[in-house]
Amino acid sequence: MKVNTMAELMANGETPEILFWVGCAGSFDQRAQKITKAFATILDKVGIKFAILGKEEACTGDPARRAGNEFLFQMMAYQNIQTLNGYGIKKIVTTCPHCFNIFFNEYPALGGSFEVIHHTTLLQQLIDEGKIKLKPDNSFKDKKITYHDSCYLGRANNIYEAPRKILEALQVELVEMKHHKSKGLCCGAGGAQMFKEEEAGTKRINVERTEEALETNAKFIASACPFCNTMMTDGVKLKEKEDKVQVLDIAEFIVNEIQEK
């Protein structure tokens, strides 16, 4: 799959409509790489000119700040802002709510002001504008699906409707978990918890959340965050339900269901 880097486009005197910020999970985690490919494929199908930073992309510093290392966070943030401003980037799209949140809410204080959108918001816009037309007899039609709200997308940024509207456009049967939207339950990876051992307790958070998802009897658990995807997938495996329940990102639901022009 040929994806242009900013350096390549600038060398040809071209500028992309958007910069796709891939993020650490989307770059290095084998499961999250599939989400990255699905979203990049959608952008290609729709004809949106985009680029990535490639080797120039570094971590946003979100885990460092959440874990309390403010010095490391600011070093990383300033480096990223310098790179982005150097290319004159105005619009960033990302599949990771952690990257989205820190760009949107915390980078402006350090001089990094960009228009930032999460991929679910962009996909919903493209569906609303008719740029993405979904097959009426798509493979998810009438299937029972539950959606897990990412903390950094939902409670932190009030993005609840975009992912649900995309699923509704697929004409699925959307069933909500006991805790959803503003009452949603964390997958257990937020706030840099992804990178540390959990503290003593009686049950892992991702297991608690997976149990709520399984109670809905949904065949698919939809997520919009690579960390949530990992935690929910681990929960499904622990419950030995991976042959019955699949965890997919919103982009993966629609990538093969787009009507060809």
Protein backbone atom coordinates (compact mmCIF):
# COMPACT_ATOMS: atom_id res chain seq x y z
CA MET A 1 0.00 0.00 0.00
CA LYS A 2 1.56 3.27 -1.11
CA VAL A 3 1.06 6.07 1.39
CA ASN A 4 2.86 9.36 0.84
CA THR A 5 4.91 10.96 3.58
CA MET A 6 4.85 14.72 4.11
CA ALA A 7 8.52 14.90 3.06
CA GLU A 8 7.75 13.18 -0.28
CA LEU A 9 4.78 15.43 -1.05
CA MET A 10 6.61 18.63 -0.10
CA ALA A 11 9.55 17.58 -2.29
CA ASN A 12 7.08 17.46 -5.21
CA GLY A 13 5.59 20.82 -4.21
CA GLU A 14 2.29 19.24 -3.17
CA THR A 15 0.27 19.63 0.01
CA PRO A 16 -2.24 17.09 1.34
CA GLU A 17 -5.77 17.90 2.52
CA ILE A 18 -5.06 16.21 5.83
CA LEU A 19 -2.21 14.73 7.81
CA PHE A 20 -3.03 11.25 9.09
CA TRP A 21 -1.40 10.94 12.52
CA VAL A 22 -0.93 7.19 12.89
CA GLY A 23 0.14 7.05 16.54
CA CYS A 24 2.27 4.49 18.39
CA ALA A 25 -0.36 1.72 18.53
CA GLY A 26 -1.34 2.17 14.88
CA SER A 27 2.33 2.02 13.85
CA PHE A 28 3.73 -0.80 15.97
CA ASP A 29 0.90 -2.95 17.34
CA GLN A 30 0.04 -5.73 14.87
CA ARG A 31 -3.68 -5.61 15.63
CA ALA A 32 -3.86 -1.79 15.47
CA GLN A 33 -1.96 -1.80 12.16
CA LYS A 34 -5.09 -3.38 10.62
CA ILE A 35 -7.12 -0.37 11.81
CA THR A 36 -4.52 1.98 10.27
CA LYS A 37 -4.72 0.11 6.95
CA ALA A 38 -8.53 0.06 7.00
CA PHE A 39 -8.73 3.82 7.55
CA ALA A 40 -6.03 4.60 4.96
CA THR A 41 -7.91 2.37 2.47
CA ILE A 42 -11.14 4.34 3.12
CA LEU A 43 -9.33 7.66 2.52
CA ASP A 44 -7.97 6.23 -0.74
CA LYS A 45 -11.40 4.99 -1.86
CA VAL A 46 -12.98 8.37 -1.16
CA GLY A 47 -10.17 10.20 -2.95
CA ILE A 48 -8.94 12.29 -0.03
CA LYS A 49 -5.35 13.41 -0.48
CA PHE A 50 -3.52 12.62 2.74
CA ALA A 51 -0.01 12.04 4.01
CA ILE A 52 1.71 10.66 7.09
CA LEU A 53 4.90 11.84 8.80
CA GLY A 54 6.44 8.36 8.62
CA LYS A 55 9.77 8.22 10.46
CA GLU A 56 9.35 11.86 11.51
CA GLU A 57 6.32 10.98 13.66
CA ALA A 58 7.09 10.58 17.36
CA CYS A 59 4.80 9.76 20.29
CA THR A 60 2.58 12.70 21.30
CA GLY A 61 3.81 12.37 24.88
CA ASP A 62 0.35 11.49 26.22
CA PRO A 63 1.49 8.42 28.23
CA ALA A 64 4.42 10.40 29.67
CA ARG A 65 2.15 13.22 30.90
CA ARG A 66 -0.48 10.82 32.26
CA ALA A 67 2.22 8.92 34.13
CA GLY A 68 3.50 12.18 35.64
CA ASN A 69 6.64 12.86 33.59
CA GLU A 70 5.83 16.43 32.57
CA PHE A 71 9.40 17.20 31.46
CA LEU A 72 9.45 14.30 28.98
CA PHE A 73 5.97 15.22 27.71
CA GLN A 74 6.96 18.83 26.98
CA MET A 75 10.14 17.74 25.20
CA MET A 76 8.16 15.39 22.95
CA ALA A 77 5.36 17.90 22.37
CA TYR A 78 7.71 20.73 21.36
CA GLN A 79 9.51 18.42 18.95
CA ASN A 80 6.20 17.38 17.33
CA ILE A 81 4.93 20.97 17.14
CA GLN A 82 8.17 22.04 15.45
CA THR A 83 7.80 19.24 12.86
CA LEU A 84 4.11 19.97 12.20
CA ASN A 85 4.58 23.75 12.00
CA GLY A 86 7.60 23.22 9.74
CA TYR A 87 5.32 21.51 7.22
CA GLY A 88 2.56 24.08 7.72
CA ILE A 89 0.10 21.40 8.85
CA LYS A 90 -3.39 22.77 9.49
CA LYS A 91 -5.59 19.67 9.70
CA ILE A 92 -4.83 16.40 11.50
CA VAL A 93 -6.92 13.23 11.61
CA THR A 94 -6.12 10.35 13.95
CA THR A 95 -7.59 6.94 14.80
CA CYS A 96 -6.39 7.23 18.42
CA PRO A 97 -8.51 9.17 20.96
CA HIS A 98 -5.42 9.65 23.17
CA CYS A 99 -3.59 11.44 20.33
CA PHE A 100 -6.78 13.33 19.44
CA ASN A 101 -7.34 14.52 23.01
CA ILE A 102 -3.82 15.76 23.61
CA PHE A 103 -3.60 17.55 20.23
CA PHE A 104 -7.02 19.09 20.65
CA ASN A 105 -6.92 20.09 24.33
CA GLU A 106 -3.30 20.28 25.45
CA TYR A 107 -1.01 21.15 22.51
CA PRO A 108 -2.48 24.67 21.97
CA ALA A 109 -1.01 25.80 25.33
CA LEU A 110 2.45 24.91 23.95
CA GLY A 111 1.95 26.66 20.61
CA GLY A 112 0.51 23.77 18.62
CA SER A 113 -2.83 24.94 17.24
CA PHE A 114 -4.28 22.60 14.63
CA GLU A 115 -7.69 21.50 13.45
CA VAL A 116 -7.88 17.98 14.86
CA ILE A 117 -10.51 15.40 14.05
CA HIS A 118 -11.03 11.84 15.16
CA HIS A 119 -11.52 9.34 12.36
CA THR A 120 -15.10 8.52 13.45
CA THR A 121 -16.09 12.19 13.10
CA LEU A 122 -14.51 12.38 9.64
CA LEU A 123 -16.17 9.13 8.52
CA GLN A 124 -19.57 10.32 9.74
CA GLN A 125 -19.10 13.61 7.83
CA LEU A 126 -18.20 11.69 4.65
CA ILE A 127 -21.32 9.52 5.02
CA ASP A 128 -23.52 12.59 5.65
CA GLU A 129 -22.07 14.36 2.61
CA GLY A 130 -22.69 11.28 0.44
CA LYS A 131 -18.97 10.83 -0.26
CA ILE A 132 -19.19 7.41 1.37
CA LYS A 133 -22.14 5.34 0.21
CA LEU A 134 -22.58 2.04 2.01
CA LYS A 135 -23.89 -1.11 0.37
CA PRO A 136 -27.59 -1.59 1.28
CA ASP A 137 -27.01 -5.33 1.71
CA ASN A 138 -23.76 -5.01 3.68
CA SER A 139 -22.44 -7.91 5.76
CA PHE A 140 -23.31 -6.25 9.11
CA LYS A 141 -26.95 -5.44 8.30
CA ASP A 142 -29.30 -6.51 11.12
CA LYS A 143 -26.36 -7.93 13.11
CA LYS A 144 -26.37 -7.24 16.84
CA ILE A 145 -23.53 -4.84 17.69
CA THR A 146 -22.61 -3.02 20.90
CA TYR A 147 -20.36 0.05 20.97
CA HIS A 148 -17.77 0.73 23.68
CA ASP A 149 -17.20 4.44 24.42
CA SER A 150 -13.55 5.38 24.74
CA CYS A 151 -13.03 7.68 27.75
CA TYR A 152 -10.84 10.07 25.74
CA LEU A 153 -13.42 10.30 22.97
CA GLY A 154 -16.61 10.27 25.06
CA ARG A 155 -16.30 11.81 28.49
CA ALA A 156 -13.22 13.89 27.63
CA ASN A 157 -14.51 15.29 24.32
CA ASN A 158 -18.25 14.56 24.11
CA ILE A 159 -17.98 12.51 20.92
CA TYR A 160 -20.74 9.96 21.38
CA GLU A 161 -22.90 10.20 18.28
CA ALA A 162 -20.44 9.95 15.36
CA PRO A 163 -19.49 6.28 15.87
CA ARG A 164 -23.10 5.31 16.57
CA LYS A 165 -24.37 7.11 13.46
CA ILE A 166 -21.84 5.21 11.34
CA LEU A 167 -23.12 1.91 12.75
CA GLU A 168 -26.71 3.04 12.16
CA ALA A 169 -25.81 3.78 8.53
CA LEU A 170 -24.86 0.09 8.27
CA GLN A 171 -28.41 -0.71 9.50
CA VAL A 172 -27.14 -2.80 12.38
CA GLU A 173 -29.06 -3.61 15.55
CA LEU A 174 -27.24 -1.39 18.04
CA VAL A 175 -27.56 -2.59 21.64
CA GLU A 176 -26.15 -0.46 24.46
CA MET A 177 -24.20 -1.80 27.42
CA LYS A 178 -25.32 -1.09 30.98
CA HIS A 179 -22.74 1.71 31.22
CA HIS A 180 -22.60 3.80 28.06
CA LYS A 181 -22.11 7.35 26.77
CA SER A 182 -21.36 9.71 29.71
CA LYS A 183 -21.75 6.78 32.14
CA GLY A 184 -19.34 4.64 30.10
CA LEU A 185 -16.83 2.37 31.81
CA CYS A 186 -13.10 2.57 31.05
CA CYS A 187 -11.48 -0.37 29.24
CA GLY A 188 -8.63 -0.26 31.76
CA ALA A 189 -5.91 1.23 29.52
CA GLY A 190 -6.46 5.00 29.89
CA GLY A 191 -4.24 7.35 31.84
CA ALA A 192 -1.05 5.41 30.94
CA GLN A 193 -2.46 2.28 32.62
CA MET A 194 -1.74 0.47 29.34
CA PHE A 195 1.95 0.53 30.21
CA LYS A 196 1.98 -0.57 33.84
CA GLU A 197 0.94 -3.52 35.94
CA GLU A 198 -2.46 -3.17 37.54
CA GLU A 199 -2.74 -2.66 41.28
CA ALA A 200 -4.17 -5.30 43.61
CA GLY A 201 -7.91 -5.83 43.25
CA THR A 202 -10.52 -8.49 42.72
CA LYS A 203 -11.17 -8.07 38.98
CA ARG A 204 -9.48 -6.47 36.00
CA ILE A 205 -11.36 -3.49 34.55
CA ASN A 206 -11.24 -4.89 31.01
CA VAL A 207 -12.88 -8.12 32.24
CA GLU A 208 -15.64 -6.13 33.96
CA ARG A 209 -16.21 -4.16 30.75
CA THR A 210 -16.13 -7.26 28.54
CA GLU A 211 -18.74 -8.93 30.77
CA GLU A 212 -21.04 -5.94 30.19
CA ALA A 213 -20.50 -6.27 26.44
CA LEU A 214 -21.19 -10.01 26.47
CA GLU A 215 -24.42 -9.45 28.45
CA THR A 216 -25.85 -7.65 25.40
CA ASN A 217 -25.51 -10.88 23.33
CA ALA A 218 -23.92 -8.81 20.56
CA LYS A 219 -21.92 -10.64 17.90
CA PHE A 220 -19.56 -7.67 17.48
CA ILE A 221 -18.05 -5.18 19.91
CA ALA A 222 -17.31 -1.90 18.13
CA SER A 223 -14.56 0.38 19.40
CA ALA A 224 -12.91 3.56 18.13
CA CYS A 225 -9.59 3.37 19.99
CA PRO A 226 -6.66 0.97 19.50
CA PHE A 227 -6.11 0.68 23.27
CA CYS A 228 -9.79 -0.13 23.89
CA ASN A 229 -9.63 -2.65 21.06
CA THR A 230 -6.70 -4.45 22.73
CA MET A 231 -8.33 -4.48 26.17
CA MET A 232 -11.71 -5.69 24.90
CA THR A 233 -10.07 -8.35 22.71
CA ASP A 234 -8.08 -9.60 25.73
CA GLY A 235 -11.30 -9.71 27.76
CA VAL A 236 -13.10 -11.73 25.06
CA LYS A 237 -10.16 -14.18 24.91
CA LEU A 238 -10.14 -14.54 28.70
CA LYS A 239 -13.85 -15.39 28.58
CA GLU A 240 -13.09 -17.87 25.73
CA LYS A 241 -15.65 -16.23 23.45
CA GLU A 242 -13.40 -15.29 20.54
CA ASP A 243 -15.17 -17.78 18.24
CA LYS A 244 -18.53 -16.07 18.96
CA VAL A 245 -17.69 -12.38 19.49
CA GLN A 246 -15.40 -10.16 17.39
CA VAL A 247 -13.93 -6.78 18.36
CA LEU A 248 -13.63 -4.37 15.42
CA ASP A 249 -12.79 -0.70 14.98
CA ILE A 250 -15.42 1.54 13.36
CA ALA A 251 -13.18 1.89 10.27
CA GLU A 252 -13.03 -1.90 9.91
CA PHE A 253 -16.82 -2.11 9.83
CA ILE A 254 -17.13 0.08 6.76
CA VAL A 255 -13.88 -0.46 4.79
CA ASN A 256 -15.30 -3.33 2.71
CA GLU A 257 -18.90 -2.07 2.69
CA ILE A 258 -18.36 1.06 0.59
CA GLN A 259 -20.12 1.12 -2.77
CA GLU A 260 -17.63 1.45 -5.62
CA LYS A 261 -18.16 4.55 -7.73
